[in-house]
Amino acid sequence: MQSLNVELGERSYPIIIGSGLLGDPQYILPYIKGRQVCIVTNETIAPLYLATLLEGLKGLDKVDVVELPDGEAFKSLDTVNRIFDVLLEKRHNRTTTLIALGGGVVGDMCGFAAACYQRGVNFIQAPTTLLSLVDSSVGGKTGVNHPLGKNMIGAFHQPRLVLADTDTLATLPAREFSAGLAEVIKYGLICDSPFFEWIEENLQKLLTREPDALAYAIERCCADKANVVASDERESGRRAILNLGHTFGHAIEAVQGYGSWLHGEAVAAGMVMALELSRLRGDIDAELVERLRAMLEAADLPQQAPQGMTTDEFLQVMQVDKKVLDGKLRLVLLKALGEAIIVDDTPRKMIINALKNCGAE
């Protein structure tokens, strides 16, 4: 078991990483504020891990469960209303604790519900996918999608605890595991060049889910993200580097339909686009782009735009992205391996050329 902290003053919280954590009350009960709990999960995860989590919550006065449909397509206000329905019908008060048991979609919706219910209640992240273990469960970003843009409705609301039980990765489908690796690779690119080189050397161990390699990668990603979040909690500056590839990736998800491409798959292709644009700007060389492509190829992740998707479709969606500020499209690019930058002066023609070089029509 490993533990590290996200340092945010009075809102600081631990990330506890290890095997067999979900059912052990010593790791979760100290972070439950009152005597009421509402677990938010989905129909895929509930049969696998709900009973284990309930074991660790014995003795509480009230434990209710909201079981949501599975998938990005259901990440909406309508679905979040199901959580509010249960909280109100079961008379949960302001000391209740919501627990997100699932991947990034469950975590985002549960956290958003916690941010809104009675103007903010306690919540805990219990991530069950690689993507949520290394990225979305940490940092307090919560929200839902809108047909015109991903995560455009949400709030910053920090959890009290991230309980990262690595045993949950044993049942993760191969496609979702690969999608999570895209976010792992991202950390090496944006702020941790030695980690990027470690991933290159140990990718096969990660793909075969070798326990020591996985534990190291998860801890390294969480530490990198915790450092970035601690320096810029509400994304007024440096935290935006965590979005490498995401502006392009969110456009893919919106145009293709949420759930058609997994988030990590869209981010993978988006990172190639971001690095290709960085190359066109003269900041990095073609070798780094090819190193990324090789890693994504080995992980069975896409490196090109979806077939038939046009540059106009990309740009139209990207113009309503959260990173547009005062009419300028801000993009996260690379100055060098391990050094991300935020730019808002990239010529439209150069963006179009980068997209075309990555398969957009």
Protein backbone atom coordinates (compact mmCIF):
# COMPACT_ATOMS: atom_id res chain seq x y z
CA MET A 1 0.00 0.00 0.00
CA GLN A 2 1.25 3.46 -0.94
CA SER A 3 -0.15 6.83 0.05
CA LEU A 4 0.46 10.36 -1.21
CA ASN A 5 -1.31 13.66 -0.66
CA VAL A 6 -2.88 16.25 -2.90
CA GLU A 7 -1.79 19.40 -1.08
CA LEU A 8 -4.63 21.94 -1.17
CA GLY A 9 -4.56 23.43 2.31
CA GLU A 10 -7.76 22.64 4.20
CA ARG A 11 -9.02 20.68 1.17
CA SER A 12 -5.98 18.39 1.05
CA TYR A 13 -6.68 14.68 0.75
CA PRO A 14 -4.83 11.38 0.40
CA ILE A 15 -4.58 9.03 -2.56
CA ILE A 16 -4.24 5.51 -1.16
CA ILE A 17 -3.00 2.95 -3.70
CA GLY A 18 -2.84 -0.79 -3.14
CA SER A 19 -4.41 -4.23 -3.36
CA GLY A 20 -7.51 -5.28 -1.41
CA LEU A 21 -8.46 -1.81 -0.19
CA LEU A 22 -12.16 -1.64 -1.10
CA GLY A 23 -13.46 -3.96 1.60
CA ASP A 24 -11.16 -2.81 4.40
CA PRO A 25 -12.92 -0.32 6.71
CA GLN A 26 -9.66 1.15 8.07
CA TYR A 27 -9.02 2.85 4.74
CA ILE A 28 -12.46 4.32 4.09
CA LEU A 29 -14.39 4.89 7.33
CA PRO A 30 -12.11 7.71 8.62
CA TYR A 31 -13.07 9.78 5.58
CA ILE A 32 -16.84 9.44 5.93
CA LYS A 33 -18.15 12.63 7.49
CA GLY A 34 -21.47 11.48 8.98
CA ARG A 35 -23.44 8.24 9.28
CA GLN A 36 -25.03 8.27 5.82
CA VAL A 37 -23.52 7.02 2.57
CA CYS A 38 -24.79 6.85 -0.99
CA ILE A 39 -22.76 4.69 -3.37
CA VAL A 40 -22.95 5.68 -7.03
CA THR A 41 -21.92 2.92 -9.41
CA ASN A 42 -23.04 1.40 -12.71
CA GLU A 43 -24.57 -1.81 -13.95
CA THR A 44 -21.20 -3.24 -15.04
CA ILE A 45 -19.22 -2.52 -11.87
CA ALA A 46 -21.95 -3.26 -9.29
CA PRO A 47 -21.91 -7.07 -9.76
CA LEU A 48 -18.10 -7.08 -9.51
CA TYR A 49 -17.24 -4.83 -6.56
CA LEU A 50 -20.33 -3.45 -4.82
CA ALA A 51 -20.51 -6.29 -2.28
CA THR A 52 -16.83 -5.82 -1.42
CA LEU A 53 -17.29 -2.09 -0.81
CA LEU A 54 -20.40 -2.72 1.30
CA GLU A 55 -18.33 -4.99 3.56
CA GLY A 56 -16.15 -2.03 4.45
CA LEU A 57 -19.16 0.13 5.30
CA LYS A 58 -20.88 -2.10 7.85
CA GLY A 59 -22.09 -0.29 10.93
CA LEU A 60 -23.19 2.93 9.24
CA ASP A 61 -26.77 4.07 9.78
CA LYS A 62 -27.71 4.34 6.12
CA VAL A 63 -26.07 3.00 2.95
CA ASP A 64 -28.00 3.51 -0.27
CA VAL A 65 -26.97 2.59 -3.80
CA VAL A 66 -27.60 4.28 -7.15
CA GLU A 67 -26.88 2.01 -10.09
CA LEU A 68 -26.54 3.95 -13.34
CA PRO A 69 -26.36 2.75 -16.94
CA ASP A 70 -22.80 2.23 -18.18
CA GLY A 71 -21.12 4.42 -20.76
CA GLU A 72 -20.15 7.92 -21.85
CA ALA A 73 -23.47 8.24 -23.70
CA PHE A 74 -25.23 8.47 -20.30
CA LYS A 75 -22.99 11.18 -18.84
CA SER A 76 -25.74 13.78 -18.76
CA LEU A 77 -27.88 15.93 -16.49
CA ASP A 78 -30.75 13.46 -16.87
CA THR A 79 -28.58 10.68 -15.43
CA VAL A 80 -27.32 12.85 -12.56
CA ASN A 81 -30.97 13.50 -11.66
CA ARG A 82 -31.26 9.80 -10.77
CA ILE A 83 -28.68 10.42 -8.04
CA PHE A 84 -30.60 13.43 -6.72
CA ASP A 85 -33.83 11.39 -6.75
CA VAL A 86 -32.35 8.77 -4.42
CA LEU A 87 -30.69 11.33 -2.14
CA LEU A 88 -33.98 13.17 -1.69
CA GLU A 89 -36.25 10.13 -1.47
CA LYS A 90 -33.96 8.53 1.13
CA ARG A 91 -33.60 11.84 3.01
CA HIS A 92 -29.86 12.23 2.92
CA ASN A 93 -28.71 15.27 4.86
CA ARG A 94 -25.76 17.64 4.51
CA THR A 95 -23.42 15.25 6.33
CA THR A 96 -23.93 12.46 3.81
CA THR A 97 -20.99 11.05 1.85
CA LEU A 98 -21.26 10.02 -1.78
CA ILE A 99 -18.88 7.29 -2.98
CA ALA A 100 -18.09 6.96 -6.68
CA LEU A 101 -17.45 3.28 -7.46
CA GLY A 102 -16.52 3.04 -11.11
CA GLY A 103 -14.57 4.66 -13.89
CA GLY A 104 -14.28 8.25 -15.01
CA VAL A 105 -17.91 8.64 -16.05
CA VAL A 106 -19.23 7.48 -12.67
CA GLY A 107 -16.65 9.58 -10.84
CA ASP A 108 -17.46 12.74 -12.79
CA MET A 109 -21.23 12.38 -12.29
CA CYS A 110 -21.00 11.39 -8.63
CA GLY A 111 -18.65 14.29 -7.93
CA PHE A 112 -20.93 16.72 -9.74
CA ALA A 113 -23.93 15.48 -7.75
CA ALA A 114 -21.91 15.91 -4.55
CA ALA A 115 -20.95 19.46 -5.57
CA CYS A 116 -24.61 20.37 -6.15
CA TYR A 117 -26.58 18.47 -3.50
CA GLN A 118 -27.47 20.89 -0.71
CA ARG A 119 -24.75 23.14 -2.17
CA GLY A 120 -21.98 20.64 -1.57
CA VAL A 121 -21.50 17.39 0.35
CA ASN A 122 -18.59 15.09 1.01
CA PHE A 123 -17.53 12.49 -1.57
CA ILE A 124 -14.96 9.75 -2.06
CA GLN A 125 -13.49 8.40 -5.29
CA ALA A 126 -13.11 4.61 -5.58
CA PRO A 127 -11.87 4.29 -9.19
CA THR A 128 -12.06 0.96 -11.01
CA THR A 129 -10.42 1.69 -14.39
CA LEU A 130 -6.84 2.51 -15.26
CA LEU A 131 -7.87 5.88 -16.70
CA SER A 132 -9.70 6.88 -13.53
CA LEU A 133 -6.97 5.47 -11.27
CA VAL A 134 -4.26 7.60 -12.88
CA ASP A 135 -6.19 10.67 -13.91
CA SER A 136 -9.88 11.50 -13.57
CA SER A 137 -10.32 10.52 -9.91
CA VAL A 138 -7.65 13.03 -8.82
CA GLY A 139 -8.05 16.78 -8.93
CA GLY A 140 -11.71 17.57 -8.29
CA LYS A 141 -12.97 18.07 -11.84
CA THR A 142 -16.58 16.93 -12.03
CA GLY A 143 -19.30 17.34 -14.63
CA VAL A 144 -21.41 16.05 -17.48
CA ASN A 145 -21.47 16.31 -21.25
CA HIS A 146 -23.69 18.43 -23.47
CA PRO A 147 -24.43 17.53 -27.12
CA LEU A 148 -22.39 20.58 -28.13
CA GLY A 149 -19.37 19.90 -25.94
CA LYS A 150 -17.76 17.48 -23.52
CA ASN A 151 -17.70 18.33 -19.80
CA MET A 152 -19.13 21.79 -20.46
CA ILE A 153 -21.38 21.59 -17.38
CA GLY A 154 -19.60 20.93 -14.10
CA ALA A 155 -17.84 22.13 -10.99
CA PHE A 156 -14.54 21.86 -9.15
CA HIS A 157 -15.27 19.74 -6.08
CA GLN A 158 -12.42 17.90 -4.40
CA PRO A 159 -12.92 14.41 -2.94
CA ARG A 160 -12.02 13.65 0.67
CA LEU A 161 -10.19 10.49 -0.41
CA VAL A 162 -9.12 8.63 -3.52
CA LEU A 163 -9.11 4.91 -2.73
CA ALA A 164 -7.28 3.24 -5.61
CA ASP A 165 -7.68 -0.53 -5.30
CA THR A 166 -5.49 -2.04 -8.01
CA ASP A 167 -7.34 -5.37 -7.78
CA THR A 168 -10.12 -3.82 -9.86
CA LEU A 169 -7.85 -3.78 -12.93
CA ALA A 170 -8.03 -7.58 -13.11
CA THR A 171 -11.53 -7.42 -14.63
CA LEU A 172 -10.92 -4.39 -16.87
CA PRO A 173 -11.47 -5.23 -20.57
CA ALA A 174 -8.38 -4.93 -22.77
CA ARG A 175 -9.79 -2.02 -24.77
CA GLU A 176 -10.45 0.05 -21.64
CA PHE A 177 -7.05 -0.83 -20.22
CA SER A 178 -5.37 0.41 -23.40
CA ALA A 179 -7.45 3.59 -23.27
CA GLY A 180 -6.11 4.23 -19.77
CA LEU A 181 -2.54 3.88 -21.01
CA ALA A 182 -3.05 6.98 -23.15
CA GLU A 183 -3.33 9.06 -19.97
CA VAL A 184 -0.30 7.30 -18.48
CA ILE A 185 1.78 8.25 -21.53
CA LYS A 186 0.46 11.81 -21.31
CA TYR A 187 2.22 12.45 -17.99
CA GLY A 188 5.58 11.52 -19.47
CA LEU A 189 5.03 13.90 -22.35
CA ILE A 190 3.88 16.95 -20.40
CA CYS A 191 6.04 17.01 -17.27
CA ASP A 192 8.06 13.84 -16.66
CA SER A 193 10.49 12.89 -19.43
CA PRO A 194 12.25 10.17 -17.35
CA PHE A 195 8.83 8.53 -16.88
CA PHE A 196 8.20 8.66 -20.66
CA GLU A 197 11.46 6.80 -21.20
CA TRP A 198 10.53 4.31 -18.46
CA ILE A 199 7.20 3.64 -20.23
CA GLU A 200 9.03 2.99 -23.52
CA GLU A 201 11.22 0.41 -21.77
CA ASN A 202 8.42 -1.19 -19.74
CA LEU A 203 5.40 -0.96 -22.03
CA GLN A 204 5.11 -4.71 -22.49
CA LYS A 205 5.07 -5.19 -18.71
CA LEU A 206 2.23 -2.67 -18.48
CA LEU A 207 0.32 -4.33 -21.31
CA THR A 208 0.55 -7.70 -19.53
CA ARG A 209 -0.51 -5.96 -16.28
CA GLU A 210 2.63 -6.94 -14.40
CA PRO A 211 1.78 -5.87 -10.81
CA ASP A 212 5.00 -4.06 -9.90
CA ALA A 213 5.11 -2.12 -13.16
CA LEU A 214 1.45 -1.16 -12.84
CA ALA A 215 1.84 -0.05 -9.23
CA TYR A 216 4.83 2.10 -10.15
CA ALA A 217 3.05 3.71 -13.12
CA ILE A 218 -0.10 4.47 -11.11
CA GLU A 219 1.86 6.02 -8.23
CA ARG A 220 4.01 8.09 -10.63
CA CYS A 221 0.97 9.41 -12.53
CA CYS A 222 -0.88 10.28 -9.33
CA ALA A 223 2.19 12.06 -7.95
CA ASP A 224 2.62 14.05 -11.17
CA LYS A 225 -1.04 15.04 -11.23
CA ALA A 226 -1.09 15.88 -7.52
CA ASN A 227 1.84 18.26 -8.04
CA VAL A 228 0.16 19.99 -10.97
CA VAL A 229 -3.21 20.30 -9.19
CA ALA A 230 -1.58 21.62 -6.01
CA SER A 231 0.01 24.43 -8.04
CA ASP A 232 -3.21 25.39 -9.87
CA GLU A 233 -6.38 23.89 -8.41
CA ARG A 234 -8.94 25.62 -10.65
CA GLU A 235 -7.01 25.60 -13.94
CA SER A 236 -6.20 29.28 -14.14
CA GLY A 237 -2.77 28.48 -15.55
CA ARG A 238 -0.44 25.50 -15.36
CA ARG A 239 -3.08 22.86 -14.71
CA ALA A 240 -4.22 23.21 -18.33
CA ILE A 241 -1.16 21.19 -19.40
CA LEU A 242 -3.07 18.10 -18.22
CA ASN A 243 -5.25 18.61 -21.29
CA LEU A 244 -2.60 17.63 -23.84
CA GLY A 245 -4.52 16.09 -26.74
CA HIS A 246 -7.87 16.69 -25.09
CA THR A 247 -9.10 19.60 -27.23
CA PHE A 248 -8.65 17.48 -30.35
CA GLY A 249 -9.89 14.37 -28.53
CA HIS A 250 -13.05 16.03 -27.24
CA ALA A 251 -13.87 17.05 -30.82
CA ILE A 252 -13.56 13.42 -31.89
CA GLU A 253 -15.87 12.28 -29.09
CA ALA A 254 -18.48 14.95 -29.85
CA VAL A 255 -18.56 14.37 -33.61
CA GLN A 256 -18.42 10.58 -33.46
CA GLY A 257 -20.99 10.40 -30.65
CA TYR A 258 -20.10 9.96 -26.98
CA GLY A 259 -19.09 6.36 -26.37
CA SER A 260 -18.22 5.53 -29.98
CA TRP A 261 -14.58 6.23 -29.17
CA LEU A 262 -13.44 5.72 -25.59
CA HIS A 263 -12.07 8.87 -23.99
CA GLY A 264 -8.53 7.49 -23.85
CA GLU A 265 -8.69 6.47 -27.50
CA ALA A 266 -9.70 10.00 -28.52
CA VAL A 267 -6.96 11.47 -26.32
CA ALA A 268 -4.39 9.16 -27.93
CA ALA A 269 -5.19 10.44 -31.42
CA GLY A 270 -5.44 13.98 -30.03
CA MET A 271 -1.94 13.76 -28.55
CA VAL A 272 -0.51 12.80 -31.94
CA MET A 273 -2.27 15.85 -33.41
CA ALA A 274 -0.88 18.08 -30.67
CA LEU A 275 2.66 16.78 -31.19
CA GLU A 276 2.35 17.11 -34.97
CA LEU A 277 1.28 20.72 -34.47
CA SER A 278 4.21 21.24 -32.10
CA ARG A 279 6.48 19.88 -34.85
CA LEU A 280 5.02 22.25 -37.42
CA ARG A 281 5.66 25.15 -35.03
CA GLY A 282 9.31 24.09 -34.85
CA ASP A 283 9.32 23.17 -31.17
CA ILE A 284 9.93 19.41 -31.43
CA ASP A 285 11.30 17.13 -34.12
CA ALA A 286 9.63 14.33 -36.05
CA GLU A 287 11.42 11.69 -33.97
CA LEU A 288 9.34 12.45 -30.87
CA VAL A 289 6.12 12.25 -32.88
CA GLU A 290 7.19 8.84 -34.16
CA ARG A 291 8.15 7.66 -30.66
CA LEU A 292 4.64 8.50 -29.50
CA ARG A 293 3.08 6.79 -32.51
CA ALA A 294 5.11 3.64 -31.83
CA MET A 295 3.97 3.51 -28.20
CA LEU A 296 0.33 3.99 -29.17
CA GLU A 297 0.63 1.34 -31.89
CA ALA A 298 2.01 -1.15 -29.37
CA ALA A 299 -0.87 -0.33 -27.01
CA ASP A 300 -3.43 -0.79 -29.81
CA LEU A 301 -4.46 2.87 -29.64
CA PRO A 302 -5.41 5.09 -32.60
CA GLN A 303 -3.01 7.64 -34.03
CA GLN A 304 -5.22 9.10 -36.74
CA ALA A 305 -8.46 11.06 -36.99
CA PRO A 306 -11.63 8.99 -37.45
CA GLN A 307 -12.26 8.06 -41.05
CA GLY A 308 -14.29 10.75 -42.80
CA MET A 309 -13.95 13.39 -40.05
CA THR A 310 -13.14 16.78 -41.57
CA THR A 311 -10.99 19.67 -40.42
CA ASP A 312 -14.13 21.84 -40.38
CA GLU A 313 -15.79 19.43 -37.94
CA PHE A 314 -12.73 19.54 -35.69
CA LEU A 315 -12.53 23.33 -35.69
CA GLN A 316 -16.25 23.85 -35.19
CA VAL A 317 -16.31 21.75 -32.00
CA MET A 318 -12.95 23.06 -30.78
CA GLN A 319 -14.30 26.61 -30.86
CA VAL A 320 -16.76 25.77 -28.06
CA ASP A 321 -14.14 23.99 -25.95
CA LYS A 322 -13.60 25.22 -22.37
CA LYS A 323 -10.09 26.26 -23.33
CA VAL A 324 -11.34 28.98 -25.69
CA LEU A 325 -10.71 32.31 -23.92
CA ASP A 326 -11.75 35.70 -25.29
CA GLY A 327 -12.25 34.18 -28.70
CA LYS A 328 -8.78 32.62 -28.81
CA LEU A 329 -8.32 28.86 -28.99
CA ARG A 330 -5.76 27.84 -26.38
CA LEU A 331 -3.95 24.61 -27.15
CA VAL A 332 -1.61 22.51 -25.02
CA LEU A 333 1.47 21.68 -27.07
CA LEU A 334 5.04 20.56 -26.36
CA LYS A 335 8.14 22.75 -26.24
CA ALA A 336 10.20 19.62 -25.60
CA LEU A 337 9.72 16.15 -24.16
CA GLY A 338 8.49 16.69 -20.59
CA GLU A 339 7.78 20.39 -21.16
CA ALA A 340 4.22 21.33 -22.10
CA ILE A 341 3.23 24.86 -23.09
CA ILE A 342 -0.10 26.65 -23.55
CA VAL A 343 -0.41 28.70 -26.73
CA ASP A 344 -3.16 30.85 -28.20
CA ASP A 345 -1.38 32.20 -31.29
CA THR A 346 -1.25 29.18 -33.60
CA PRO A 347 -2.38 30.10 -37.12
CA ARG A 348 -5.57 28.39 -38.24
CA LYS A 349 -3.84 27.13 -41.38
CA MET A 350 -1.16 25.40 -39.31
CA ILE A 351 -3.81 23.67 -37.19
CA ILE A 352 -5.55 22.50 -40.37
CA ASN A 353 -2.27 21.15 -41.76
CA ALA A 354 -1.59 19.24 -38.55
CA LEU A 355 -5.08 17.73 -38.67
CA LYS A 356 -4.63 16.72 -42.30
CA ASN A 357 -1.27 15.15 -41.52
CA CYS A 358 -3.15 13.03 -38.97
CA GLY A 359 -5.85 11.83 -41.36
CA ALA A 360 -8.55 14.51 -41.18
CA GLU A 361 -10.23 15.30 -44.47
